[in-house]
Each structure stands twice: as structure tokens, then as C-alpha cells.
């Protein structure tokens, strides 16, 4: 299963956190790198992580329509 490192950008939902994962992507024609941000909804059973925390998320089976990740710990 994949593991990614990101920052929590929203903690307004119950047991769910929105995690932003930043990476650098290379343009196919111009060979320049640019920043890409992907946002994942991740499960947080105890509501222990808050906005701004750096966390590690792991891929799991689908828990809802958009939630396919869970938080495994702080980074």
C-alpha cells in the first residue's frame, strides 16, 4: 500500500481530515519542474490531528465516496 507525507489543511469534518500532498512534476516538453498539490480525504478515528500538522497517510479500502486514505502517524 502506498504511503504519502502531507500537511492537514482542513479539520472541520468529524473523523475526516483533508491532507495536501505537494510534489514536483516535470513538464514533458519544456523539461521544467513545477509544483503540484493533491488533496486527499483521510480517516482520523480519534479526531487527534489538527490543521497544520504534518502527517503520513496510507492507502486503505474505500471508506466512503471520496475517502480512501487513513492517517497512520505524524511525520
PDB file of N, CA and C in Angstrom:
ATOM      1  N   UNK A   1       0.822  -1.187   0.000  1.00  0.00           N
ATOM      2  CA  UNK A   1       0.000   0.000   0.000  1.00  0.00           C
ATOM      3  C   UNK A   1       0.867   1.252   0.000  1.00  0.00           C
ATOM      4  N   UNK A   2       0.402   2.258  -0.700  1.00  0.00           N
ATOM      5  CA  UNK A   2       1.164   3.498  -0.794  1.00  0.00           C
ATOM      6  C   UNK A   2       1.097   4.284   0.509  1.00  0.00           C
ATOM      7  N   UNK A   3       2.183   4.982   0.800  1.00  0.00           N
ATOM      8  CA  UNK A   3       2.225   5.911   1.921  1.00  0.00           C
ATOM      9  C   UNK A   3       2.709   7.248   1.398  1.00  0.00           C
ATOM     10  N   UNK A   4       2.054   8.327   1.830  1.00  0.00           N
ATOM     11  CA  UNK A   4       2.415   9.667   1.403  1.00  0.00           C
ATOM     12  C   UNK A   4       2.545  10.574   2.613  1.00  0.00           C
ATOM     13  N   UNK A   5       3.336  11.617   2.469  1.00  0.00           N
ATOM     14  CA  UNK A   5       3.513  12.596   3.539  1.00  0.00           C
ATOM     15  C   UNK A   5       2.894  13.915   3.100  1.00  0.00           C
ATOM     16  N   UNK A   6       2.112  14.520   4.006  1.00  0.00           N
ATOM     17  CA  UNK A   6       1.453  15.763   3.656  1.00  0.00           C
ATOM     18  C   UNK A   6       1.106  16.588   4.879  1.00  0.00           C
ATOM     19  N   UNK A   7       0.395  17.683   4.652  1.00  0.00           N
ATOM     20  CA  UNK A   7       0.001  18.608   5.704  1.00  0.00           C
ATOM     21  C   UNK A   7      -1.519  18.680   5.758  1.00  0.00           C
ATOM     22  N   UNK A   8      -2.065  18.665   6.965  1.00  0.00           N
ATOM     23  CA  UNK A   8      -3.511  18.773   7.122  1.00  0.00           C
ATOM     24  C   UNK A   8      -3.923  20.216   6.858  1.00  0.00           C
ATOM     25  N   UNK A   9      -4.865  20.397   5.934  1.00  0.00           N
ATOM     26  CA  UNK A   9      -5.321  21.739   5.589  1.00  0.00           C
ATOM     27  C   UNK A   9      -6.737  22.010   6.077  1.00  0.00           C
ATOM     28  N   UNK A  10      -7.483  20.964   6.453  1.00  0.00           N
ATOM     29  CA  UNK A  10      -8.829  21.157   6.980  1.00  0.00           C
ATOM     30  C   UNK A  10      -9.141  20.076   7.999  1.00  0.00           C
ATOM     31  N   UNK A  11      -9.712  20.498   9.137  1.00  0.00           N
ATOM     32  CA  UNK A  11     -10.135  19.534  10.166  1.00  0.00           C
ATOM     33  C   UNK A  11     -11.578  19.814  10.597  1.00  0.00           C
ATOM     34  N   UNK A  12     -12.401  20.296   9.675  1.00  0.00           N
ATOM     35  CA  UNK A  12     -13.766  20.699  10.009  1.00  0.00           C
ATOM     36  C   UNK A  12     -14.749  19.530  10.037  1.00  0.00           C
ATOM     37  N   UNK A  13     -14.395  18.396   9.411  1.00  0.00           N
ATOM     38  CA  UNK A  13     -15.294  17.243   9.395  1.00  0.00           C
ATOM     39  C   UNK A  13     -14.985  16.321  10.571  1.00  0.00           C
ATOM     40  N   UNK A  14     -15.979  15.564  10.982  1.00  0.00           N
ATOM     41  CA  UNK A  14     -15.799  14.598  12.063  1.00  0.00           C
ATOM     42  C   UNK A  14     -15.136  13.345  11.513  1.00  0.00           C
ATOM     43  N   UNK A  15     -14.030  12.934  12.141  1.00  0.00           N
ATOM     44  CA  UNK A  15     -13.269  11.728  11.784  1.00  0.00           C
ATOM     45  C   UNK A  15     -12.669  11.769  10.379  1.00  0.00           C
ATOM     46  N   UNK A  16     -12.621  12.941   9.764  1.00  0.00           N
ATOM     47  CA  UNK A  16     -12.040  13.079   8.428  1.00  0.00           C
ATOM     48  C   UNK A  16     -11.165  14.327   8.388  1.00  0.00           C
ATOM     49  N   UNK A  17     -10.008  14.205   7.769  1.00  0.00           N
ATOM     50  CA  UNK A  17      -9.104  15.330   7.599  1.00  0.00           C
ATOM     51  C   UNK A  17      -8.755  15.434   6.122  1.00  0.00           C
ATOM     52  N   UNK A  18      -8.553  16.664   5.652  1.00  0.00           N
ATOM     53  CA  UNK A  18      -8.109  16.875   4.273  1.00  0.00           C
ATOM     54  C   UNK A  18      -6.602  17.108   4.322  1.00  0.00           C
ATOM     55  N   UNK A  19      -5.859  16.271   3.602  1.00  0.00           N
ATOM     56  CA  UNK A  19      -4.400  16.319   3.616  1.00  0.00           C
ATOM     57  C   UNK A  19      -3.905  16.752   2.243  1.00  0.00           C
ATOM     58  N   UNK A  20      -3.066  17.795   2.215  1.00  0.00           N
ATOM     59  CA  UNK A  20      -2.470  18.279   0.973  1.00  0.00           C
ATOM     60  C   UNK A  20      -1.079  17.677   0.816  1.00  0.00           C
ATOM     61  N   UNK A  21      -0.843  17.038  -0.321  1.00  0.00           N
ATOM     62  CA  UNK A  21       0.449  16.422  -0.618  1.00  0.00           C
ATOM     63  C   UNK A  21       1.070  17.197  -1.771  1.00  0.00           C
ATOM     64  N   UNK A  22       2.234  17.796  -1.530  1.00  0.00           N
ATOM     65  CA  UNK A  22       2.942  18.578  -2.548  1.00  0.00           C
ATOM     66  C   UNK A  22       4.024  17.736  -3.205  1.00  0.00           C
ATOM     67  N   UNK A  23       4.161  17.906  -4.523  1.00  0.00           N
ATOM     68  CA  UNK A  23       5.237  17.225  -5.250  1.00  0.00           C
ATOM     69  C   UNK A  23       5.634  18.073  -6.436  1.00  0.00           C
ATOM     70  N   UNK A  24       6.799  17.782  -6.990  1.00  0.00           N
ATOM     71  CA  UNK A  24       7.300  18.482  -8.160  1.00  0.00           C
ATOM     72  C   UNK A  24       7.117  17.574  -9.380  1.00  0.00           C
ATOM     73  N   UNK A  25       6.524  18.140 -10.428  1.00  0.00           N
ATOM     74  CA  UNK A  25       6.257  17.389 -11.648  1.00  0.00           C
ATOM     75  C   UNK A  25       7.044  18.014 -12.793  1.00  0.00           C
ATOM     76  N   UNK A  26       7.534  17.185 -13.693  1.00  0.00           N
ATOM     77  CA  UNK A  26       8.328  17.668 -14.818  1.00  0.00           C
ATOM     78  C   UNK A  26       7.448  17.842 -16.050  1.00  0.00           C
ATOM     79  N   UNK A  27       7.552  19.004 -16.683  1.00  0.00           N
ATOM     80  CA  UNK A  27       6.779  19.263 -17.885  1.00  0.00           C
ATOM     81  C   UNK A  27       7.362  18.444 -19.034  1.00  0.00           C
ATOM     82  N   UNK A  28       6.518  17.747 -19.798  1.00  0.00           N
ATOM     83  CA  UNK A  28       7.047  16.844 -20.830  1.00  0.00           C
ATOM     84  C   UNK A  28       7.779  17.547 -21.970  1.00  0.00           C
ATOM     85  N   UNK A  29       7.368  18.737 -22.336  1.00  0.00           N
ATOM     86  CA  UNK A  29       8.005  19.420 -23.456  1.00  0.00           C
ATOM     87  C   UNK A  29       9.130  20.345 -23.010  1.00  0.00           C
ATOM     88  N   UNK A  30       8.895  21.123 -21.964  1.00  0.00           N
ATOM     89  CA  UNK A  30       9.847  22.159 -21.580  1.00  0.00           C
ATOM     90  C   UNK A  30      10.844  21.722 -20.517  1.00  0.00           C
ATOM     91  N   UNK A  31      10.717  20.515 -19.998  1.00  0.00           N
ATOM     92  CA  UNK A  31      11.659  19.939 -19.027  1.00  0.00           C
ATOM     93  C   UNK A  31      11.855  20.805 -17.790  1.00  0.00           C
ATOM     94  N   UNK A  32      10.847  21.574 -17.432  1.00  0.00           N
ATOM     95  CA  UNK A  32      10.920  22.364 -16.200  1.00  0.00           C
ATOM     96  C   UNK A  32      10.051  21.687 -15.146  1.00  0.00           C
ATOM     97  N   UNK A  33      10.408  21.883 -13.906  1.00  0.00           N
ATOM     98  CA  UNK A  33       9.635  21.323 -12.805  1.00  0.00           C
ATOM     99  C   UNK A  33       8.686  22.374 -12.251  1.00  0.00           C
ATOM    100  N   UNK A  34       7.486  21.941 -11.892  1.00  0.00           N
ATOM    101  CA  UNK A  34       6.512  22.845 -11.285  1.00  0.00           C
ATOM    102  C   UNK A  34       5.793  22.120 -10.151  1.00  0.00           C
ATOM    103  N   UNK A  35       5.258  22.895  -9.218  1.00  0.00           N
ATOM    104  CA  UNK A  35       4.632  22.334  -8.024  1.00  0.00           C
ATOM    105  C   UNK A  35       3.203  21.892  -8.320  1.00  0.00           C
ATOM    106  N   UNK A  36       2.864  20.710  -7.817  1.00  0.00           N
ATOM    107  CA  UNK A  36       1.520  20.171  -7.939  1.00  0.00           C
ATOM    108  C   UNK A  36       1.048  19.792  -6.543  1.00  0.00           C
ATOM    109  N   UNK A  37      -0.166  20.203  -6.174  1.00  0.00           N
ATOM    110  CA  UNK A  37      -0.728  19.864  -4.872  1.00  0.00           C
ATOM    111  C   UNK A  37      -1.943  18.969  -5.067  1.00  0.00           C
ATOM    112  N   UNK A  38      -1.912  17.784  -4.439  1.00  0.00           N
ATOM    113  CA  UNK A  38      -3.052  16.874  -4.458  1.00  0.00           C
ATOM    114  C   UNK A  38      -3.670  16.871  -3.074  1.00  0.00           C
ATOM    115  N   UNK A  39      -5.001  16.889  -3.008  1.00  0.00           N
ATOM    116  CA  UNK A  39      -5.708  16.899  -1.731  1.00  0.00           C
ATOM    117  C   UNK A  39      -6.441  15.576  -1.557  1.00  0.00           C
ATOM    118  N   UNK A  40      -6.185  14.907  -0.428  1.00  0.00           N
ATOM    119  CA  UNK A  40      -6.810  13.623  -0.132  1.00  0.00           C
ATOM    120  C   UNK A  40      -7.622  13.736   1.148  1.00  0.00           C
ATOM    121  N   UNK A  41      -8.768  13.068   1.183  1.00  0.00           N
ATOM    122  CA  UNK A  41      -9.527  12.960   2.425  1.00  0.00           C
ATOM    123  C   UNK A  41      -9.037  11.708   3.143  1.00  0.00           C
ATOM    124  N   UNK A  42      -8.654  11.875   4.412  1.00  0.00           N
ATOM    125  CA  UNK A  42      -8.083  10.773   5.180  1.00  0.00           C
ATOM    126  C   UNK A  42      -8.862  10.573   6.470  1.00  0.00           C
ATOM    127  N   UNK A  43      -8.969   9.314   6.900  1.00  0.00           N
ATOM    128  CA  UNK A  43      -9.714   8.962   8.103  1.00  0.00           C
ATOM    129  C   UNK A  43      -8.866   9.209   9.349  1.00  0.00           C
ATOM    130  N   UNK A  44      -9.494   9.823  10.362  1.00  0.00           N
ATOM    131  CA  UNK A  44      -8.855  10.097  11.646  1.00  0.00           C
ATOM    132  C   UNK A  44      -9.849   9.697  12.731  1.00  0.00           C
ATOM    133  N   UNK A  45      -9.750   8.459  13.204  1.00  0.00           N
ATOM    134  CA  UNK A  45     -10.754   7.874  14.104  1.00  0.00           C
ATOM    135  C   UNK A  45     -10.967   8.668  15.386  1.00  0.00           C
ATOM    136  N   UNK A  46      -9.887   9.168  15.994  1.00  0.00           N
ATOM    137  CA  UNK A  46      -9.993   9.821  17.307  1.00  0.00           C
ATOM    138  C   UNK A  46     -10.007  11.341  17.228  1.00  0.00           C
ATOM    139  N   UNK A  47     -10.042  11.906  16.031  1.00  0.00           N
ATOM    140  CA  UNK A  47     -10.001  13.358  15.853  1.00  0.00           C
ATOM    141  C   UNK A  47      -8.811  13.989  16.570  1.00  0.00           C
ATOM    142  N   UNK A  48      -7.638  13.341  16.498  1.00  0.00           N
ATOM    143  CA  UNK A  48      -6.478  13.817  17.253  1.00  0.00           C
ATOM    144  C   UNK A  48      -5.569  14.748  16.466  1.00  0.00           C
ATOM    145  N   UNK A  49      -5.693  14.812  15.143  1.00  0.00           N
ATOM    146  CA  UNK A  49      -4.819  15.652  14.339  1.00  0.00           C
ATOM    147  C   UNK A  49      -5.533  16.946  13.963  1.00  0.00           C
ATOM    148  N   UNK A  50      -4.802  18.053  13.983  1.00  0.00           N
ATOM    149  CA  UNK A  50      -5.373  19.365  13.709  1.00  0.00           C
ATOM    150  C   UNK A  50      -4.734  19.982  12.464  1.00  0.00           C
ATOM    151  N   UNK A  51      -5.315  21.054  11.981  1.00  0.00           N
ATOM    152  CA  UNK A  51      -4.805  21.736  10.787  1.00  0.00           C
ATOM    153  C   UNK A  51      -3.372  22.209  11.022  1.00  0.00           C
ATOM    154  N   UNK A  52      -2.522  22.016  10.041  1.00  0.00           N
ATOM    155  CA  UNK A  52      -1.127  22.405  10.142  1.00  0.00           C
ATOM    156  C   UNK A  52      -0.197  21.271  10.513  1.00  0.00           C
ATOM    157  N   UNK A  53      -0.723  20.157  11.013  1.00  0.00           N
ATOM    158  CA  UNK A  53       0.115  19.012  11.384  1.00  0.00           C
ATOM    159  C   UNK A  53       0.637  18.316  10.136  1.00  0.00           C
ATOM    160  N   UNK A  54       1.897  17.886  10.190  1.00  0.00           N
ATOM    161  CA  UNK A  54       2.473  17.088   9.114  1.00  0.00           C
ATOM    162  C   UNK A  54       2.231  15.625   9.467  1.00  0.00           C
ATOM    163  N   UNK A  55       1.600  14.883   8.552  1.00  0.00           N
ATOM    164  CA  UNK A  55       1.205  13.508   8.823  1.00  0.00           C
ATOM    165  C   UNK A  55       1.600  12.584   7.681  1.00  0.00           C
ATOM    166  N   UNK A  56       1.548  11.285   7.956  1.00  0.00           N
ATOM    167  CA  UNK A  56       1.755  10.252   6.954  1.00  0.00           C
ATOM    168  C   UNK A  56       0.415   9.549   6.762  1.00  0.00           C
ATOM    169  N   UNK A  57      -0.025   9.441   5.504  1.00  0.00           N
ATOM    170  CA  UNK A  57      -1.281   8.765   5.214  1.00  0.00           C
ATOM    171  C   UNK A  57      -0.998   7.487   4.437  1.00  0.00           C
ATOM    172  N   UNK A  58      -1.883   6.498   4.620  1.00  0.00           N
ATOM    173  CA  UNK A  58      -1.709   5.200   3.970  1.00  0.00           C
ATOM    174  C   UNK A  58      -2.991   4.839   3.232  1.00  0.00           C
ATOM    175  N   UNK A  59      -2.832   4.227   2.085  1.00  0.00           N
ATOM    176  CA  UNK A  59      -3.960   3.821   1.266  1.00  0.00           C
ATOM    177  C   UNK A  59      -4.694   2.652   1.929  1.00  0.00           C
ATOM    178  N   UNK A  60      -6.030   2.711   1.948  1.00  0.00           N
ATOM    179  CA  UNK A  60      -6.852   1.630   2.512  1.00  0.00           C
ATOM    180  C   UNK A  60      -8.040   1.389   1.578  1.00  0.00           C
ATOM    181  N   UNK A  61      -8.868   0.424   1.929  1.00  0.00           N
ATOM    182  CA  UNK A  61     -10.065   0.162   1.136  1.00  0.00           C
ATOM    183  C   UNK A  61     -11.002   1.366   1.222  1.00  0.00           C
ATOM    184  N   UNK A  62     -11.881   1.559   0.276  1.00  0.00           N
ATOM    185  CA  UNK A  62     -12.778   2.723   0.316  1.00  0.00           C
ATOM    186  C   UNK A  62     -13.656   2.735   1.565  1.00  0.00           C
ATOM    187  N   UNK A  63     -13.665   3.880   2.262  1.00  0.00           N
ATOM    188  CA  UNK A  63     -14.486   4.035   3.461  1.00  0.00           C
ATOM    189  C   UNK A  63     -15.758   4.820   3.161  1.00  0.00           C
ATOM    190  N   UNK A  64     -15.725   5.636   2.136  1.00  0.00           N
ATOM    191  CA  UNK A  64     -16.889   6.395   1.703  1.00  0.00           C
ATOM    192  C   UNK A  64     -16.673   6.759   0.235  1.00  0.00           C
ATOM    193  N   UNK A  65     -17.489   7.688  -0.275  1.00  0.00           N
ATOM    194  CA  UNK A  65     -17.403   8.023  -1.693  1.00  0.00           C
ATOM    195  C   UNK A  65     -16.053   8.613  -2.073  1.00  0.00           C
ATOM    196  N   UNK A  66     -15.445   9.412  -1.189  1.00  0.00           N
ATOM    197  CA  UNK A  66     -14.175  10.068  -1.514  1.00  0.00           C
ATOM    198  C   UNK A  66     -13.019   9.666  -0.605  1.00  0.00           C
ATOM    199  N   UNK A  67     -13.284   8.933   0.474  1.00  0.00           N
ATOM    200  CA  UNK A  67     -12.246   8.657   1.474  1.00  0.00           C
ATOM    201  C   UNK A  67     -11.613   7.284   1.235  1.00  0.00           C
ATOM    202  N   UNK A  68     -10.319   7.301   0.834  1.00  0.00           N
ATOM    203  CA  UNK A  68      -9.583   6.058   0.575  1.00  0.00           C
ATOM    204  C   UNK A  68      -8.232   6.028   1.277  1.00  0.00           C
ATOM    205  N   UNK A  69      -8.029   6.902   2.247  1.00  0.00           N
ATOM    206  CA  UNK A  69      -6.761   7.006   2.961  1.00  0.00           C
ATOM    207  C   UNK A  69      -7.028   7.066   4.462  1.00  0.00           C
ATOM    208  N   UNK A  70      -6.044   6.672   5.256  1.00  0.00           N
ATOM    209  CA  UNK A  70      -6.126   6.804   6.700  1.00  0.00           C
ATOM    210  C   UNK A  70      -4.809   7.378   7.215  1.00  0.00           C
ATOM    211  N   UNK A  71      -4.886   8.122   8.320  1.00  0.00           N
ATOM    212  CA  UNK A  71      -3.677   8.713   8.893  1.00  0.00           C
ATOM    213  C   UNK A  71      -3.018   7.685   9.797  1.00  0.00           C
ATOM    214  N   UNK A  72      -1.717   7.431   9.572  1.00  0.00           N
ATOM    215  CA  UNK A  72      -1.006   6.428  10.377  1.00  0.00           C
ATOM    216  C   UNK A  72      -0.101   7.056  11.431  1.00  0.00           C
ATOM    217  N   UNK A  73       0.209   8.342  11.319  1.00  0.00           N
ATOM    218  CA  UNK A  73       1.046   8.991  12.331  1.00  0.00           C
ATOM    219  C   UNK A  73       1.578  10.328  11.868  1.00  0.00           C
ATOM    220  N   UNK A  74       2.297  10.968  12.794  1.00  0.00           N
ATOM    221  CA  UNK A  74       2.911  12.265  12.466  1.00  0.00           C
ATOM    222  C   UNK A  74       4.212  12.033  11.702  1.00  0.00           C
ATOM    223  N   UNK A  75       4.536  12.995  10.870  1.00  0.00           N
ATOM    224  CA  UNK A  75       5.770  12.901  10.082  1.00  0.00           C
ATOM    225  C   UNK A  75       6.922  13.569  10.813  1.00  0.00           C
TER     226      UNK A  75
END
